[in-house]
């Protein structure tokens, strides 16, 4: 799990983005409560997703440099409806865990994050923002396009929302999907799409499925660079997505 330096102040480390000059870590799409949703749908799962998320965070923090701030880039919770008791219990537990490790916590609101202000008492340092704009970097969840002011301020844009993954075919013909980062452009700005930090599902296999974010054009997506992440947190460079789409 060694960091991959894409740019001087933007590194990839496991499923997170590390901004060393800002001493900041960015994760996305935790979807707390998804474990409960699967069980209610009849899917048998062993408990413990939250503990696995915390353990993976601890592991990647041991590989990063100094980190004082954590940004959750949208979809802390899963349901579109107000917080369920299960979601609230998991979110409170996670925020307390994070509050012991980070001086500052920011949630950039995603389309699933309705009524999350009730969680502020669990972590007094938590801030809820619609976007984060600083020093040429714009962080939005990705369910909407940046506003004109956000776009004007952006040199780089960081989004989540799509839970990108890629299906890789072995010589035996078996296809296995891996969470992945995507790096491309949006209106002349650098655009990085980060994978979900939910460990129960891999995500949207972009070799077979369409994207959701209005910032991603399926016709241009083939030019995006793909960086899959292994279960152990190793990051690989596979070149453009289009090379994976060839028959």
C-alpha atoms as a PDB file:
ATOM      1  CA  UNK A   1       0.000   0.000   0.000  1.00  0.00           C
ATOM      2  CA  UNK A   2       2.461   2.641  -1.178  1.00  0.00           C
ATOM      3  CA  UNK A   3       1.162   6.101  -2.166  1.00  0.00           C
ATOM      4  CA  UNK A   4       1.088   6.921  -5.867  1.00  0.00           C
ATOM      5  CA  UNK A   5       2.027  10.528  -6.582  1.00  0.00           C
ATOM      6  CA  UNK A   6      -0.097  11.770  -9.470  1.00  0.00           C
ATOM      7  CA  UNK A   7       0.858  15.418  -8.928  1.00  0.00           C
ATOM      8  CA  UNK A   8       3.002  17.179  -6.294  1.00  0.00           C
ATOM      9  CA  UNK A   9       0.030  17.856  -4.007  1.00  0.00           C
ATOM     10  CA  UNK A  10      -2.273  15.013  -5.044  1.00  0.00           C
ATOM     11  CA  UNK A  11      -1.427  11.439  -4.208  1.00  0.00           C
ATOM     12  CA  UNK A  12      -3.466   8.248  -4.268  1.00  0.00           C
ATOM     13  CA  UNK A  13      -3.220   5.968  -1.265  1.00  0.00           C
ATOM     14  CA  UNK A  14      -5.415   2.877  -1.129  1.00  0.00           C
ATOM     15  CA  UNK A  15      -9.012   4.114  -1.665  1.00  0.00           C
ATOM     16  CA  UNK A  16      -8.232   7.667  -0.553  1.00  0.00           C
ATOM     17  CA  UNK A  17      -6.749  10.842  -1.980  1.00  0.00           C
ATOM     18  CA  UNK A  18      -3.924  12.364   0.049  1.00  0.00           C
ATOM     19  CA  UNK A  19      -3.142  16.072  -0.222  1.00  0.00           C
ATOM     20  CA  UNK A  20       0.252  16.307   1.524  1.00  0.00           C
ATOM     21  CA  UNK A  21       0.673  20.094   1.493  1.00  0.00           C
ATOM     22  CA  UNK A  22      -2.775  20.449   3.051  1.00  0.00           C
ATOM     23  CA  UNK A  23      -2.250  17.495   5.444  1.00  0.00           C
ATOM     24  CA  UNK A  24      -5.622  16.261   4.223  1.00  0.00           C
ATOM     25  CA  UNK A  25      -7.128  12.890   3.395  1.00  0.00           C
ATOM     26  CA  UNK A  26     -10.224  12.585   1.185  1.00  0.00           C
ATOM     27  CA  UNK A  27     -12.520   9.551   1.063  1.00  0.00           C
ATOM     28  CA  UNK A  28     -15.936   9.182  -0.556  1.00  0.00           C
ATOM     29  CA  UNK A  29     -19.173   7.211  -0.540  1.00  0.00           C
ATOM     30  CA  UNK A  30     -19.120   5.333   2.741  1.00  0.00           C
ATOM     31  CA  UNK A  31     -22.866   4.617   2.493  1.00  0.00           C
ATOM     32  CA  UNK A  32     -23.209   3.675   6.138  1.00  0.00           C
ATOM     33  CA  UNK A  33     -26.382   1.642   6.572  1.00  0.00           C
ATOM     34  CA  UNK A  34     -25.964  -0.292   3.330  1.00  0.00           C
ATOM     35  CA  UNK A  35     -25.195  -3.390   5.378  1.00  0.00           C
ATOM     36  CA  UNK A  36     -28.657  -3.081   6.990  1.00  0.00           C
ATOM     37  CA  UNK A  37     -30.297  -2.477   3.602  1.00  0.00           C
ATOM     38  CA  UNK A  38     -28.800  -5.683   2.217  1.00  0.00           C
ATOM     39  CA  UNK A  39     -29.994  -7.706   5.196  1.00  0.00           C
ATOM     40  CA  UNK A  40     -33.517  -6.303   4.850  1.00  0.00           C
ATOM     41  CA  UNK A  41     -33.388  -7.373   1.191  1.00  0.00           C
ATOM     42  CA  UNK A  42     -32.604 -10.928   2.277  1.00  0.00           C
ATOM     43  CA  UNK A  43     -28.849 -10.937   1.693  1.00  0.00           C
ATOM     44  CA  UNK A  44     -27.026 -12.892   4.405  1.00  0.00           C
ATOM     45  CA  UNK A  45     -23.972 -10.955   5.583  1.00  0.00           C
ATOM     46  CA  UNK A  46     -21.642 -11.312   8.532  1.00  0.00           C
ATOM     47  CA  UNK A  47     -21.692  -8.172  10.687  1.00  0.00           C
ATOM     48  CA  UNK A  48     -18.716  -5.894  11.022  1.00  0.00           C
ATOM     49  CA  UNK A  49     -18.548  -3.599   7.994  1.00  0.00           C
ATOM     50  CA  UNK A  50     -17.891  -0.540  10.153  1.00  0.00           C
ATOM     51  CA  UNK A  51     -14.979  -2.245  11.929  1.00  0.00           C
ATOM     52  CA  UNK A  52     -13.475  -3.133   8.540  1.00  0.00           C
ATOM     53  CA  UNK A  53     -13.781   0.487   7.381  1.00  0.00           C
ATOM     54  CA  UNK A  54     -12.038   1.703  10.523  1.00  0.00           C
ATOM     55  CA  UNK A  55      -9.287  -0.906  10.177  1.00  0.00           C
ATOM     56  CA  UNK A  56      -8.663   0.081   6.539  1.00  0.00           C
ATOM     57  CA  UNK A  57      -8.476   3.739   7.511  1.00  0.00           C
ATOM     58  CA  UNK A  58      -5.981   2.947  10.248  1.00  0.00           C
ATOM     59  CA  UNK A  59      -3.891   0.967   7.807  1.00  0.00           C
ATOM     60  CA  UNK A  60      -3.714   3.680   5.172  1.00  0.00           C
ATOM     61  CA  UNK A  61      -3.005   6.362   7.780  1.00  0.00           C
ATOM     62  CA  UNK A  62       0.061   4.395   8.766  1.00  0.00           C
ATOM     63  CA  UNK A  63       1.309   4.802   5.173  1.00  0.00           C
ATOM     64  CA  UNK A  64       0.404   8.466   4.693  1.00  0.00           C
ATOM     65  CA  UNK A  65       2.366  11.459   5.863  1.00  0.00           C
ATOM     66  CA  UNK A  66       1.003  13.904   8.436  1.00  0.00           C
ATOM     67  CA  UNK A  67      -2.809  14.133   8.300  1.00  0.00           C
ATOM     68  CA  UNK A  68      -4.793  16.690  10.277  1.00  0.00           C
ATOM     69  CA  UNK A  69      -7.984  16.896   8.243  1.00  0.00           C
ATOM     70  CA  UNK A  70     -10.376  14.323   6.799  1.00  0.00           C
ATOM     71  CA  UNK A  71     -12.867  15.171   4.054  1.00  0.00           C
ATOM     72  CA  UNK A  72     -15.732  12.780   3.308  1.00  0.00           C
ATOM     73  CA  UNK A  73     -16.726  13.558  -0.270  1.00  0.00           C
ATOM     74  CA  UNK A  74     -20.408  12.774  -0.026  1.00  0.00           C
ATOM     75  CA  UNK A  75     -22.765   9.949   0.883  1.00  0.00           C
ATOM     76  CA  UNK A  76     -21.773   9.304   4.456  1.00  0.00           C
ATOM     77  CA  UNK A  77     -25.139   7.519   4.795  1.00  0.00           C
ATOM     78  CA  UNK A  78     -27.019   5.242   2.422  1.00  0.00           C
ATOM     79  CA  UNK A  79     -30.762   5.872   2.538  1.00  0.00           C
ATOM     80  CA  UNK A  80     -32.268   8.853   0.758  1.00  0.00           C
ATOM     81  CA  UNK A  81     -34.752   9.106   3.624  1.00  0.00           C
ATOM     82  CA  UNK A  82     -33.866  10.654   7.004  1.00  0.00           C
ATOM     83  CA  UNK A  83     -31.366   8.745   9.114  1.00  0.00           C
ATOM     84  CA  UNK A  84     -32.509   5.329  10.249  1.00  0.00           C
ATOM     85  CA  UNK A  85     -31.561   4.254  13.764  1.00  0.00           C
ATOM     86  CA  UNK A  86     -28.993   1.860  12.304  1.00  0.00           C
ATOM     87  CA  UNK A  87     -27.456   4.573  10.116  1.00  0.00           C
ATOM     88  CA  UNK A  88     -27.334   7.009  13.006  1.00  0.00           C
ATOM     89  CA  UNK A  89     -25.704   4.442  15.287  1.00  0.00           C
ATOM     90  CA  UNK A  90     -23.037   3.628  12.685  1.00  0.00           C
ATOM     91  CA  UNK A  91     -22.454   7.262  11.772  1.00  0.00           C
ATOM     92  CA  UNK A  92     -22.095   8.347  15.398  1.00  0.00           C
ATOM     93  CA  UNK A  93     -19.636   5.504  16.076  1.00  0.00           C
ATOM     94  CA  UNK A  94     -17.561   6.356  12.996  1.00  0.00           C
ATOM     95  CA  UNK A  95     -17.525  10.095  13.674  1.00  0.00           C
ATOM     96  CA  UNK A  96     -16.338   9.495  17.218  1.00  0.00           C
ATOM     97  CA  UNK A  97     -13.620   7.229  15.856  1.00  0.00           C
ATOM     98  CA  UNK A  98     -12.598   9.910  13.340  1.00  0.00           C
ATOM     99  CA  UNK A  99     -12.865  12.690  15.906  1.00  0.00           C
ATOM    100  CA  UNK A 100     -10.108  11.056  17.942  1.00  0.00           C
ATOM    101  CA  UNK A 101      -7.775  11.031  14.932  1.00  0.00           C
ATOM    102  CA  UNK A 102      -8.390  14.257  13.025  1.00  0.00           C
ATOM    103  CA  UNK A 103      -8.413  17.862  14.155  1.00  0.00           C
ATOM    104  CA  UNK A 104     -10.906  18.764  11.426  1.00  0.00           C
ATOM    105  CA  UNK A 105     -13.670  16.761   9.745  1.00  0.00           C
ATOM    106  CA  UNK A 106     -15.582  17.990   6.699  1.00  0.00           C
ATOM    107  CA  UNK A 107     -18.540  16.302   5.022  1.00  0.00           C
ATOM    108  CA  UNK A 108     -19.143  17.563   1.481  1.00  0.00           C
ATOM    109  CA  UNK A 109     -22.831  16.828   1.155  1.00  0.00           C
ATOM    110  CA  UNK A 110     -23.811  14.093  -1.300  1.00  0.00           C
ATOM    111  CA  UNK A 111     -27.223  13.258  -2.697  1.00  0.00           C
ATOM    112  CA  UNK A 112     -27.783  10.684   0.084  1.00  0.00           C
ATOM    113  CA  UNK A 113     -26.856  13.076   2.890  1.00  0.00           C
ATOM    114  CA  UNK A 114     -30.217  14.446   3.957  1.00  0.00           C
ATOM    115  CA  UNK A 115     -30.660  15.603   7.550  1.00  0.00           C
ATOM    116  CA  UNK A 116     -27.100  14.794   8.597  1.00  0.00           C
ATOM    117  CA  UNK A 117     -26.869  17.915  10.777  1.00  0.00           C
ATOM    118  CA  UNK A 118     -28.233  15.823  13.666  1.00  0.00           C
ATOM    119  CA  UNK A 119     -24.830  14.099  13.710  1.00  0.00           C
ATOM    120  CA  UNK A 120     -22.918  17.260  14.599  1.00  0.00           C
ATOM    121  CA  UNK A 121     -23.194  16.563  18.310  1.00  0.00           C
ATOM    122  CA  UNK A 122     -21.243  13.302  17.829  1.00  0.00           C
ATOM    123  CA  UNK A 123     -18.229  15.166  16.453  1.00  0.00           C
ATOM    124  CA  UNK A 124     -18.066  18.880  17.322  1.00  0.00           C
ATOM    125  CA  UNK A 125     -15.313  19.417  14.755  1.00  0.00           C
ATOM    126  CA  UNK A 126     -17.535  18.167  11.891  1.00  0.00           C
ATOM    127  CA  UNK A 127     -18.485  20.727   9.248  1.00  0.00           C
ATOM    128  CA  UNK A 128     -21.102  20.083   6.544  1.00  0.00           C
ATOM    129  CA  UNK A 129     -20.410  21.868   3.252  1.00  0.00           C
ATOM    130  CA  UNK A 130     -22.009  21.855  -0.183  1.00  0.00           C
ATOM    131  CA  UNK A 131     -18.517  22.096  -1.721  1.00  0.00           C
ATOM    132  CA  UNK A 132     -14.940  22.813  -0.719  1.00  0.00           C
ATOM    133  CA  UNK A 133     -13.016  25.322  -2.808  1.00  0.00           C
ATOM    134  CA  UNK A 134      -9.426  26.198  -1.961  1.00  0.00           C
ATOM    135  CA  UNK A 135      -6.232  26.973  -3.857  1.00  0.00           C
ATOM    136  CA  UNK A 136      -7.417  25.757  -7.255  1.00  0.00           C
ATOM    137  CA  UNK A 137      -8.968  22.538  -5.924  1.00  0.00           C
ATOM    138  CA  UNK A 138     -12.739  22.070  -5.986  1.00  0.00           C
ATOM    139  CA  UNK A 139     -14.248  19.124  -4.137  1.00  0.00           C
ATOM    140  CA  UNK A 140     -17.883  18.333  -4.890  1.00  0.00           C
ATOM    141  CA  UNK A 141     -19.685  15.033  -4.609  1.00  0.00           C
ATOM    142  CA  UNK A 142     -20.368  14.746  -8.337  1.00  0.00           C
ATOM    143  CA  UNK A 143     -24.153  14.420  -8.430  1.00  0.00           C
ATOM    144  CA  UNK A 144     -24.277  17.970  -9.833  1.00  0.00           C
ATOM    145  CA  UNK A 145     -22.067  20.039 -12.076  1.00  0.00           C
ATOM    146  CA  UNK A 146     -19.894  22.730 -10.485  1.00  0.00           C
ATOM    147  CA  UNK A 147     -21.424  26.175 -10.286  1.00  0.00           C
ATOM    148  CA  UNK A 148     -19.926  28.917 -12.494  1.00  0.00           C
ATOM    149  CA  UNK A 149     -18.021  30.287  -9.488  1.00  0.00           C
ATOM    150  CA  UNK A 150     -16.700  26.837  -8.564  1.00  0.00           C
ATOM    151  CA  UNK A 151     -15.654  26.144 -12.139  1.00  0.00           C
ATOM    152  CA  UNK A 152     -13.885  29.495 -12.414  1.00  0.00           C
ATOM    153  CA  UNK A 153     -11.909  28.689  -9.246  1.00  0.00           C
ATOM    154  CA  UNK A 154     -10.972  25.174 -10.332  1.00  0.00           C
ATOM    155  CA  UNK A 155      -7.714  23.889 -11.670  1.00  0.00           C
ATOM    156  CA  UNK A 156      -8.576  20.406 -10.409  1.00  0.00           C
ATOM    157  CA  UNK A 157     -11.959  18.890  -9.525  1.00  0.00           C
ATOM    158  CA  UNK A 158     -12.368  15.904  -7.221  1.00  0.00           C
ATOM    159  CA  UNK A 159     -15.623  13.932  -7.191  1.00  0.00           C
ATOM    160  CA  UNK A 160     -17.068  10.647  -5.991  1.00  0.00           C
ATOM    161  CA  UNK A 161     -20.674   9.566  -6.652  1.00  0.00           C
ATOM    162  CA  UNK A 162     -20.070   7.021  -9.424  1.00  0.00           C
ATOM    163  CA  UNK A 163     -18.231   4.374  -7.369  1.00  0.00           C
ATOM    164  CA  UNK A 164     -15.945   3.581 -10.348  1.00  0.00           C
ATOM    165  CA  UNK A 165     -14.606   0.060 -10.835  1.00  0.00           C
ATOM    166  CA  UNK A 166     -13.203  -1.932 -13.728  1.00  0.00           C
ATOM    167  CA  UNK A 167     -13.697  -5.573 -14.633  1.00  0.00           C
ATOM    168  CA  UNK A 168     -10.450  -7.302 -15.603  1.00  0.00           C
ATOM    169  CA  UNK A 169     -10.503 -10.578 -17.519  1.00  0.00           C
ATOM    170  CA  UNK A 170      -7.994 -13.302 -16.694  1.00  0.00           C
ATOM    171  CA  UNK A 171      -6.499 -15.642 -19.284  1.00  0.00           C
ATOM    172  CA  UNK A 172      -8.994 -18.252 -18.122  1.00  0.00           C
ATOM    173  CA  UNK A 173     -11.841 -15.888 -19.017  1.00  0.00           C
ATOM    174  CA  UNK A 174     -12.853 -15.021 -15.476  1.00  0.00           C
ATOM    175  CA  UNK A 175     -13.791 -11.372 -14.886  1.00  0.00           C
ATOM    176  CA  UNK A 176     -12.966  -9.797 -11.520  1.00  0.00           C
ATOM    177  CA  UNK A 177     -13.905  -6.218 -10.709  1.00  0.00           C
ATOM    178  CA  UNK A 178     -11.676  -3.796  -8.822  1.00  0.00           C
ATOM    179  CA  UNK A 179     -12.420  -0.384  -7.398  1.00  0.00           C
ATOM    180  CA  UNK A 180     -10.588   2.271  -9.404  1.00  0.00           C
ATOM    181  CA  UNK A 181      -9.691   5.935  -9.665  1.00  0.00           C
ATOM    182  CA  UNK A 182     -10.349   7.733 -12.959  1.00  0.00           C
ATOM    183  CA  UNK A 183      -8.297  10.697 -14.141  1.00  0.00           C
ATOM    184  CA  UNK A 184      -9.396  12.843 -17.046  1.00  0.00           C
ATOM    185  CA  UNK A 185     -10.716  16.287 -17.898  1.00  0.00           C
ATOM    186  CA  UNK A 186     -13.879  18.302 -17.463  1.00  0.00           C
ATOM    187  CA  UNK A 187     -14.139  21.605 -19.374  1.00  0.00           C
ATOM    188  CA  UNK A 188     -10.384  22.006 -19.448  1.00  0.00           C
ATOM    189  CA  UNK A 189      -9.931  21.178 -15.761  1.00  0.00           C
ATOM    190  CA  UNK A 190      -8.248  18.110 -14.344  1.00  0.00           C
ATOM    191  CA  UNK A 191     -10.950  15.721 -13.061  1.00  0.00           C
ATOM    192  CA  UNK A 192     -10.293  12.901 -10.606  1.00  0.00           C
ATOM    193  CA  UNK A 193     -13.060  10.443  -9.739  1.00  0.00           C
ATOM    194  CA  UNK A 194     -12.465   8.454  -6.573  1.00  0.00           C
ATOM    195  CA  UNK A 195     -13.853   5.023  -5.689  1.00  0.00           C
ATOM    196  CA  UNK A 196     -16.245   4.241  -2.871  1.00  0.00           C
ATOM    197  CA  UNK A 197     -14.898   3.530   0.612  1.00  0.00           C
ATOM    198  CA  UNK A 198     -17.802   1.146   1.194  1.00  0.00           C
ATOM    199  CA  UNK A 199     -16.180  -2.284   1.389  1.00  0.00           C
ATOM    200  CA  UNK A 200     -19.295  -4.387   0.802  1.00  0.00           C
ATOM    201  CA  UNK A 201     -19.544  -3.772  -2.945  1.00  0.00           C
ATOM    202  CA  UNK A 202     -17.001  -3.125  -5.656  1.00  0.00           C
ATOM    203  CA  UNK A 203     -18.870  -0.425  -7.551  1.00  0.00           C
ATOM    204  CA  UNK A 204     -19.893   0.361 -11.118  1.00  0.00           C
ATOM    205  CA  UNK A 205     -17.906  -1.677 -13.654  1.00  0.00           C
ATOM    206  CA  UNK A 206     -17.216   0.950 -16.297  1.00  0.00           C
ATOM    207  CA  UNK A 207     -16.283  -1.670 -18.866  1.00  0.00           C
ATOM    208  CA  UNK A 208     -19.960  -2.689 -18.911  1.00  0.00           C
ATOM    209  CA  UNK A 209     -22.063   0.003 -17.189  1.00  0.00           C
ATOM    210  CA  UNK A 210     -22.785   3.668 -17.781  1.00  0.00           C
ATOM    211  CA  UNK A 211     -21.817   6.551 -15.523  1.00  0.00           C
ATOM    212  CA  UNK A 212     -24.175   8.674 -13.431  1.00  0.00           C
ATOM    213  CA  UNK A 213     -22.344  11.942 -12.798  1.00  0.00           C
ATOM    214  CA  UNK A 214     -23.149  14.867 -15.113  1.00  0.00           C
ATOM    215  CA  UNK A 215     -19.412  15.607 -15.160  1.00  0.00           C
ATOM    216  CA  UNK A 216     -18.715  12.316 -16.938  1.00  0.00           C
ATOM    217  CA  UNK A 217     -19.485  11.929 -20.628  1.00  0.00           C
ATOM    218  CA  UNK A 218     -19.607   8.257 -21.607  1.00  0.00           C
ATOM    219  CA  UNK A 219     -18.374   9.086 -25.102  1.00  0.00           C
ATOM    220  CA  UNK A 220     -15.208  10.726 -23.720  1.00  0.00           C
ATOM    221  CA  UNK A 221     -14.675   8.367 -20.806  1.00  0.00           C
ATOM    222  CA  UNK A 222     -12.494   6.048 -22.895  1.00  0.00           C
ATOM    223  CA  UNK A 223      -9.669   8.602 -22.663  1.00  0.00           C
ATOM    224  CA  UNK A 224      -9.676   8.631 -18.836  1.00  0.00           C
ATOM    225  CA  UNK A 225      -6.693   7.010 -17.157  1.00  0.00           C
ATOM    226  CA  UNK A 226      -7.570   4.068 -14.908  1.00  0.00           C
ATOM    227  CA  UNK A 227      -5.930   3.282 -11.565  1.00  0.00           C
ATOM    228  CA  UNK A 228      -7.410   0.100 -10.046  1.00  0.00           C
ATOM    229  CA  UNK A 229      -6.945  -0.645  -6.350  1.00  0.00           C
ATOM    230  CA  UNK A 230      -6.410  -4.146  -5.002  1.00  0.00           C
ATOM    231  CA  UNK A 231      -8.068  -5.472  -1.846  1.00  0.00           C
ATOM    232  CA  UNK A 232      -4.722  -4.948  -0.115  1.00  0.00           C
ATOM    233  CA  UNK A 233      -4.610  -1.291  -1.191  1.00  0.00           C
ATOM    234  CA  UNK A 234      -2.005  -1.549  -3.961  1.00  0.00           C
ATOM    235  CA  UNK A 235      -2.618   0.891  -6.837  1.00  0.00           C
ATOM    236  CA  UNK A 236      -1.870   0.094 -10.475  1.00  0.00           C
ATOM    237  CA  UNK A 237      -1.871   2.155 -13.661  1.00  0.00           C
ATOM    238  CA  UNK A 238      -3.685   0.527 -16.597  1.00  0.00           C
ATOM    239  CA  UNK A 239      -3.661   3.377 -19.080  1.00  0.00           C
ATOM    240  CA  UNK A 240      -6.837   4.674 -20.756  1.00  0.00           C
ATOM    241  CA  UNK A 241     -10.182   3.038 -20.063  1.00  0.00           C
ATOM    242  CA  UNK A 242     -10.648   2.606 -23.807  1.00  0.00           C
ATOM    243  CA  UNK A 243      -7.878   0.003 -23.886  1.00  0.00           C
ATOM    244  CA  UNK A 244     -10.004  -2.175 -21.583  1.00  0.00           C
ATOM    245  CA  UNK A 245     -13.048  -1.860 -23.829  1.00  0.00           C
ATOM    246  CA  UNK A 246     -11.495  -3.425 -26.884  1.00  0.00           C
ATOM    247  CA  UNK A 247     -12.873  -6.883 -27.784  1.00  0.00           C
END
